[in-house]
Amino acid sequence: MPALDSPAGTIDVEVIPMRSVLSAVYLQLPNHNMTFIDFSLTNKGDRSETVMIESEILGYSERAISTVNVPSHGTVTVGQTPVLKPSFIPREMTTAPLDYRVTFRDGALIKESTEPIRVYAKDTMVWAVLEGGEWIDISEFIGAWVTPHDPSIDTLVRRAAEYHPSHTMEGYQCGDCSDEEWSEYTDLQVQALFEALKRDYHITYINTPIAFGLDTENPQRVRLPFDSISTDSANCIDGTVLYASALEALEMDPIIVITPTHAFLCYATQPDDDSDCNCLETTMTGSASFEEAANEGDQEYLEELKSGNFDSGESHIWSIRALRDGGVSPMQ
């Protein structure tokens, strides 16, 4: 019977961790085939080996433990996402130690290390993460800030109904309308939200521009809709997720457009058809008419299309319906 210990150096280990924890959407990483830390194990020996892998963000997560069999002269990759402890999520960005350890089944050490990582507050959005020396765009996770089930959104929709000609907010219920009729029908509901936020909530634009990019994390605080309503203020991305939350609550299809320096709202005018959309510059809610804000949003969208920024990846257009289908859930 062979001994349980293994010759030194039979297992090579490559470890590739993310360098930041985006607390708001960390638990959604597995839905996108993403893991926080990956271990690549290569067995140089002539027999298979059983290996135990452990990782933990000390003070912030539970300890993840995996046991894997690595065949002789084979390579196995194991990904882990240690479960965060919700009560330990910080209010401000902080540094925490990531501890990991790889051992043989008898406990003999193969590799261990403790490395510093960043842990962001729950209201912080990060637009890209560095993984294995490559920047990975994760701007789609902005969909987590769209929270249609927040009670404050229910109240907003009820107030908006008072500004609709029929005093209702019905979502997509136009039936056999023509394209032009659908556009007008949908616009009236968005206009009702605009008027409620302007007249009842007195939303004021705060100039804190977006900092989206593909070659850096560019962390940014993003207010949840409840916070924007509570403070009567919103920047471009705050206002966009606020409107998007109300539209999703109506079972409509909001769209978030993100450029390197700005964000604005678009919305499908008919169900299940994102190709026909209208747009709104939400930062004009407190300072202009709905028509002016809509014209500005439409113009911004056309400029992005003509520039080719969507095709190049410099800008993004995210359908909330598509993001939900892809596994991005509201954070509350």
Protein backbone atom coordinates (compact mmCIF):
# COMPACT_ATOMS: atom_id res chain seq x y z
CA MET A 1 0.00 0.00 0.00
CA PRO A 2 1.55 3.37 -0.98
CA ALA A 3 2.30 5.93 1.67
CA LEU A 4 -0.18 8.77 2.13
CA ASP A 5 2.43 11.50 1.86
CA SER A 6 3.49 12.73 -1.58
CA PRO A 7 6.89 13.73 -2.90
CA ALA A 8 7.55 17.44 -2.62
CA GLY A 9 6.84 19.29 -5.81
CA THR A 10 4.46 16.77 -7.39
CA ILE A 11 1.65 19.38 -7.41
CA ASP A 12 2.15 22.81 -8.96
CA VAL A 13 -0.42 25.44 -7.96
CA GLU A 14 -1.33 28.65 -9.78
CA VAL A 15 -3.64 30.97 -7.85
CA ILE A 16 -5.65 33.73 -9.57
CA PRO A 17 -7.79 35.82 -7.19
CA MET A 18 -9.85 38.90 -7.88
CA ARG A 19 -8.33 41.87 -6.13
CA SER A 20 -11.63 43.42 -5.04
CA VAL A 21 -14.90 42.36 -3.46
CA LEU A 22 -17.92 44.13 -4.95
CA SER A 23 -20.20 43.53 -1.97
CA ALA A 24 -23.44 44.47 -3.75
CA VAL A 25 -23.24 41.68 -6.31
CA TYR A 26 -20.55 39.35 -4.96
CA LEU A 27 -23.00 36.48 -4.40
CA GLN A 28 -24.22 36.77 -8.00
CA LEU A 29 -20.80 35.92 -9.47
CA PRO A 30 -21.56 32.17 -9.80
CA ASN A 31 -24.63 33.02 -11.92
CA HIS A 32 -22.18 34.38 -14.49
CA ASN A 33 -19.68 31.53 -14.31
CA MET A 34 -17.34 33.78 -12.33
CA THR A 35 -15.52 32.80 -9.15
CA PHE A 36 -13.61 34.98 -6.74
CA ILE A 37 -10.47 32.87 -6.59
CA ASP A 38 -9.28 30.14 -8.98
CA PHE A 39 -6.73 27.41 -8.29
CA SER A 40 -5.05 25.58 -11.17
CA LEU A 41 -3.52 22.32 -9.91
CA THR A 42 -1.04 20.37 -12.06
CA ASN A 43 0.06 16.91 -10.94
CA LYS A 44 3.58 16.07 -12.14
CA GLY A 45 3.64 12.71 -10.38
CA ASP A 46 2.83 9.20 -11.59
CA ARG A 47 -0.20 8.70 -9.33
CA SER A 48 -3.37 10.66 -8.68
CA GLU A 49 -3.46 12.92 -5.63
CA THR A 50 -6.29 14.08 -3.39
CA VAL A 51 -5.91 17.78 -2.59
CA MET A 52 -7.79 20.04 -0.17
CA ILE A 53 -8.23 23.73 -1.05
CA GLU A 54 -9.31 26.41 1.44
CA SER A 55 -9.86 30.14 1.06
CA GLU A 56 -11.28 32.85 3.29
CA ILE A 57 -11.51 36.64 3.37
CA LEU A 58 -10.48 36.95 6.98
CA GLY A 59 -13.09 38.76 9.04
CA TYR A 60 -15.53 39.06 6.15
CA SER A 61 -16.40 35.59 4.85
CA GLU A 62 -16.90 31.98 5.79
CA ARG A 63 -14.12 29.58 4.87
CA ALA A 64 -14.59 27.82 1.51
CA ILE A 65 -13.30 24.24 1.41
CA SER A 66 -13.00 21.97 -1.64
CA THR A 67 -11.54 18.50 -2.01
CA VAL A 68 -10.47 17.39 -5.48
CA ASN A 69 -8.68 14.47 -7.09
CA VAL A 70 -5.91 15.50 -9.48
CA PRO A 71 -5.00 12.72 -11.93
CA SER A 72 -1.37 11.90 -12.64
CA HIS A 73 0.12 14.28 -15.20
CA GLY A 74 -3.21 16.12 -15.32
CA THR A 75 -4.47 19.60 -14.48
CA VAL A 76 -7.62 20.50 -12.54
CA THR A 77 -9.03 23.99 -12.00
CA VAL A 78 -11.09 24.75 -8.90
CA GLY A 79 -12.95 28.03 -8.35
CA GLN A 80 -14.18 29.29 -5.00
CA THR A 81 -16.34 32.21 -3.88
CA PRO A 82 -16.24 32.30 -0.07
CA VAL A 83 -19.65 33.28 1.34
CA LEU A 84 -19.71 36.82 2.74
CA LYS A 85 -21.03 37.50 6.22
CA PRO A 86 -23.65 40.25 5.61
CA SER A 87 -23.11 41.84 9.02
CA PHE A 88 -19.45 42.40 8.20
CA ILE A 89 -19.88 44.33 4.93
CA PRO A 90 -18.13 47.69 5.50
CA ARG A 91 -19.66 51.16 5.12
CA GLU A 92 -16.50 52.38 3.40
CA MET A 93 -13.90 50.67 1.23
CA THR A 94 -11.40 48.79 3.33
CA THR A 95 -8.50 46.36 2.94
CA ALA A 96 -8.85 42.78 4.12
CA PRO A 97 -6.56 39.71 4.08
CA LEU A 98 -7.38 36.93 1.61
CA ASP A 99 -6.05 33.71 3.10
CA TYR A 100 -5.73 30.51 1.10
CA ARG A 101 -4.15 27.12 1.68
CA VAL A 102 -3.62 24.01 -0.48
CA THR A 103 -2.69 20.69 1.17
CA PHE A 104 -2.47 16.98 0.44
CA ARG A 105 -5.08 14.74 2.08
CA ASP A 106 -2.69 13.95 4.94
CA GLY A 107 -2.37 17.68 5.68
CA ALA A 108 1.07 18.15 4.10
CA LEU A 109 1.32 21.72 2.86
CA ILE A 110 1.54 22.43 -0.86
CA LYS A 111 0.98 26.18 -0.89
CA GLU A 112 -0.39 28.90 1.36
CA SER A 113 -0.48 32.68 1.33
CA THR A 114 -2.23 35.72 2.74
CA GLU A 115 -2.69 38.65 0.36
CA PRO A 116 -4.42 42.05 0.70
CA ILE A 117 -7.62 42.72 -1.26
CA ARG A 118 -10.16 45.55 -1.30
CA VAL A 119 -13.67 45.16 0.11
CA TYR A 120 -16.08 47.80 -1.17
CA ALA A 121 -19.18 49.13 0.60
CA LYS A 122 -22.52 47.72 -0.53
CA ASP A 123 -23.50 50.88 -2.44
CA THR A 124 -20.28 50.96 -4.48
CA MET A 125 -20.32 49.93 -8.14
CA VAL A 126 -17.12 48.74 -9.79
CA TRP A 127 -17.14 48.79 -13.59
CA ALA A 128 -14.31 46.30 -14.21
CA VAL A 129 -12.21 43.84 -12.23
CA LEU A 130 -8.65 42.66 -12.77
CA GLU A 131 -8.48 38.87 -13.08
CA GLY A 132 -5.36 37.03 -14.17
CA GLY A 133 -3.80 40.22 -15.52
CA GLU A 134 -6.84 40.98 -17.70
CA TRP A 135 -9.54 43.60 -17.10
CA ILE A 136 -13.01 42.04 -17.12
CA ASP A 137 -15.98 44.33 -17.76
CA ILE A 138 -18.74 43.83 -15.18
CA SER A 139 -20.86 46.91 -15.92
CA GLU A 140 -23.89 44.62 -16.40
CA PHE A 141 -24.12 44.32 -12.62
CA ILE A 142 -25.54 47.86 -12.49
CA GLY A 143 -28.81 45.99 -12.97
CA ALA A 144 -28.60 44.99 -9.30
CA TRP A 145 -29.31 48.61 -8.35
CA VAL A 146 -32.62 48.47 -10.23
CA THR A 147 -34.94 47.50 -7.38
CA PRO A 148 -38.59 47.37 -8.53
CA HIS A 149 -39.88 45.75 -5.34
CA ASP A 150 -38.76 48.52 -2.99
CA PRO A 151 -41.84 50.00 -1.25
CA SER A 152 -40.70 53.51 -2.22
CA ILE A 153 -41.14 52.53 -5.88
CA ASP A 154 -44.74 51.45 -5.26
CA THR A 155 -45.43 54.85 -3.74
CA LEU A 156 -43.76 56.64 -6.66
CA VAL A 157 -45.86 54.74 -9.23
CA ARG A 158 -49.07 55.55 -7.33
CA ARG A 159 -48.20 59.24 -7.26
CA ALA A 160 -47.26 59.17 -10.92
CA ALA A 161 -50.73 57.89 -11.81
CA GLU A 162 -52.10 61.28 -10.77
CA TYR A 163 -50.14 62.88 -13.61
CA HIS A 164 -51.36 60.44 -16.26
CA PRO A 165 -54.36 61.54 -18.36
CA SER A 166 -56.28 58.39 -17.37
CA HIS A 167 -54.91 58.39 -13.79
CA THR A 168 -53.58 54.86 -14.30
CA MET A 169 -50.18 53.25 -14.84
CA GLU A 170 -50.80 50.09 -16.84
CA GLY A 171 -47.45 49.05 -18.29
CA TYR A 172 -47.73 47.49 -21.74
CA GLN A 173 -51.52 47.34 -22.28
CA CYS A 174 -51.98 49.12 -25.59
CA GLY A 175 -53.13 46.00 -27.43
CA ASP A 176 -53.28 46.33 -31.24
CA CYS A 177 -51.85 49.84 -31.31
CA SER A 178 -49.70 51.04 -34.19
CA ASP A 179 -46.01 51.72 -33.56
CA GLU A 180 -46.76 55.43 -33.23
CA GLU A 181 -49.58 54.78 -30.79
CA TRP A 182 -47.39 52.45 -28.73
CA SER A 183 -44.68 55.14 -28.51
CA GLU A 184 -47.15 57.78 -27.34
CA TYR A 185 -48.82 55.34 -24.92
CA THR A 186 -45.50 54.41 -23.30
CA ASP A 187 -44.21 57.98 -23.21
CA LEU A 188 -47.27 59.12 -21.25
CA GLN A 189 -46.35 56.74 -18.44
CA VAL A 190 -42.71 57.81 -18.40
CA GLN A 191 -43.85 61.42 -18.44
CA ALA A 192 -46.09 60.73 -15.45
CA LEU A 193 -43.07 59.43 -13.53
CA PHE A 194 -41.09 62.48 -14.64
CA GLU A 195 -43.78 64.87 -13.39
CA ALA A 196 -44.15 63.08 -10.05
CA LEU A 197 -40.40 63.14 -9.42
CA LYS A 198 -40.25 66.80 -10.43
CA ARG A 199 -43.33 68.14 -8.67
CA ASP A 200 -43.83 65.84 -5.67
CA TYR A 201 -40.32 64.61 -4.95
CA HIS A 202 -38.41 67.70 -6.11
CA ILE A 203 -35.52 65.59 -7.40
CA THR A 204 -32.42 67.72 -7.91
CA TYR A 205 -29.49 66.80 -10.14
CA ILE A 206 -26.19 66.47 -8.27
CA ASN A 207 -23.10 66.70 -10.47
CA THR A 208 -21.13 63.55 -9.61
CA PRO A 209 -20.31 62.13 -13.05
CA ILE A 210 -19.94 58.48 -13.89
CA ALA A 211 -16.42 57.09 -14.27
CA PHE A 212 -16.87 54.04 -16.47
CA GLY A 213 -13.85 52.43 -18.10
CA LEU A 214 -12.44 49.07 -19.16
CA ASP A 215 -8.86 49.50 -17.92
CA THR A 216 -9.50 50.32 -14.27
CA GLU A 217 -12.04 49.54 -11.55
CA ASN A 218 -13.34 53.14 -11.35
CA PRO A 219 -15.34 52.51 -8.15
CA GLN A 220 -18.36 54.74 -7.76
CA ARG A 221 -21.05 55.15 -5.16
CA VAL A 222 -24.51 54.60 -6.69
CA ARG A 223 -27.60 55.52 -4.73
CA LEU A 224 -30.37 52.97 -4.52
CA PRO A 225 -33.76 54.39 -5.56
CA PHE A 226 -34.84 54.63 -1.93
CA ASP A 227 -31.81 56.80 -1.13
CA SER A 228 -32.38 59.11 -4.12
CA ILE A 229 -35.99 59.59 -3.06
CA SER A 230 -35.02 60.13 0.59
CA THR A 231 -32.41 62.77 -0.26
CA ASP A 232 -34.32 64.42 -3.15
CA SER A 233 -31.18 64.18 -5.26
CA ALA A 234 -29.60 62.03 -7.94
CA ASN A 235 -26.72 62.11 -10.39
CA CYS A 236 -26.97 60.58 -13.86
CA ILE A 237 -26.61 56.92 -12.83
CA ASP A 238 -28.74 57.37 -9.68
CA GLY A 239 -31.59 58.86 -11.69
CA THR A 240 -31.29 56.22 -14.37
CA VAL A 241 -31.66 53.29 -11.94
CA LEU A 242 -34.50 55.15 -10.18
CA TYR A 243 -36.55 55.48 -13.38
CA ALA A 244 -35.59 51.96 -14.44
CA SER A 245 -36.87 50.57 -11.13
CA ALA A 246 -40.27 52.22 -11.60
CA LEU A 247 -40.57 50.99 -15.19
CA GLU A 248 -39.63 47.44 -14.23
CA ALA A 249 -42.23 47.57 -11.45
CA LEU A 250 -44.76 48.26 -14.23
CA GLU A 251 -43.42 45.18 -16.07
CA MET A 252 -41.98 47.40 -18.77
CA ASP A 253 -38.51 47.05 -20.28
CA PRO A 254 -36.08 49.78 -19.14
CA ILE A 255 -32.64 50.06 -20.71
CA ILE A 256 -29.54 51.57 -19.11
CA VAL A 257 -27.05 53.28 -21.40
CA ILE A 258 -23.54 53.75 -20.02
CA THR A 259 -20.90 55.88 -21.74
CA PRO A 260 -17.39 56.62 -20.39
CA THR A 261 -18.65 59.77 -18.62
CA HIS A 262 -22.42 59.51 -18.44
CA ALA A 263 -25.50 57.31 -18.03
CA PHE A 264 -29.06 57.80 -19.22
CA LEU A 265 -32.33 55.92 -19.59
CA CYS A 266 -33.96 54.31 -22.60
CA TYR A 267 -37.04 52.10 -22.64
CA ALA A 268 -38.73 49.76 -25.08
CA THR A 269 -41.97 51.28 -26.33
CA GLN A 270 -43.49 47.83 -26.92
CA PRO A 271 -43.16 44.52 -25.05
CA ASP A 272 -40.41 42.12 -26.13
CA ASP A 273 -38.96 44.55 -28.66
CA ASP A 274 -35.86 46.46 -27.55
CA SER A 275 -35.19 47.59 -31.12
CA ASP A 276 -37.84 50.31 -30.83
CA CYS A 277 -36.94 52.47 -27.85
CA ASN A 278 -37.26 56.03 -26.63
CA CYS A 279 -34.84 57.70 -24.24
CA LEU A 280 -34.77 60.23 -21.42
CA GLU A 281 -32.06 62.45 -19.95
CA THR A 282 -32.93 61.92 -16.28
CA THR A 283 -30.65 64.70 -15.02
CA MET A 284 -33.10 67.21 -16.52
CA THR A 285 -35.96 66.05 -14.27
CA GLY A 286 -35.81 69.06 -11.99
CA SER A 287 -34.84 71.71 -14.54
CA ALA A 288 -36.66 71.12 -17.84
CA SER A 289 -39.85 69.84 -19.43
CA PHE A 290 -40.41 66.20 -20.25
CA GLU A 291 -40.25 66.97 -23.96
CA GLU A 292 -36.84 68.63 -23.57
CA ALA A 293 -35.48 65.77 -21.48
CA ALA A 294 -36.83 63.19 -23.94
CA ASN A 295 -35.36 65.01 -26.94
CA GLU A 296 -31.99 65.20 -25.22
CA GLY A 297 -32.05 61.49 -24.36
CA ASP A 298 -32.98 60.52 -27.90
CA GLN A 299 -30.17 62.67 -29.28
CA GLU A 300 -27.61 61.14 -26.92
CA TYR A 301 -28.68 57.65 -27.96
CA LEU A 302 -28.39 58.46 -31.66
CA GLU A 303 -24.92 59.93 -31.12
CA GLU A 304 -23.75 56.73 -29.41
CA LEU A 305 -25.14 54.64 -32.25
CA LYS A 306 -23.50 56.77 -34.94
CA SER A 307 -20.15 56.84 -33.13
CA GLY A 308 -19.94 53.04 -33.02
CA ASN A 309 -19.26 53.13 -29.27
CA PHE A 310 -21.64 50.24 -28.58
CA ASP A 311 -19.91 48.04 -31.15
CA SER A 312 -16.44 48.93 -29.85
CA GLY A 313 -17.35 48.32 -26.21
CA GLU A 314 -16.52 51.88 -25.20
CA SER A 315 -20.16 52.30 -24.21
CA HIS A 316 -22.79 49.77 -23.14
CA ILE A 317 -26.52 49.37 -23.53
CA TRP A 318 -28.06 47.07 -20.93
CA SER A 319 -31.65 45.84 -21.21
CA ILE A 320 -32.82 45.11 -17.68
CA ARG A 321 -35.04 42.30 -18.96
CA ALA A 322 -32.04 40.69 -20.65
CA LEU A 323 -29.92 41.14 -17.52
CA ARG A 324 -32.57 39.40 -15.41
CA ASP A 325 -32.64 36.53 -17.89
CA GLY A 326 -28.84 36.40 -17.57
CA GLY A 327 -28.90 36.14 -13.76
CA VAL A 328 -28.46 39.73 -12.55
CA SER A 329 -30.95 40.12 -9.70
CA PRO A 330 -32.04 43.19 -7.69
CA MET A 331 -29.92 43.54 -4.59
CA GLN A 332 -33.07 44.06 -2.50
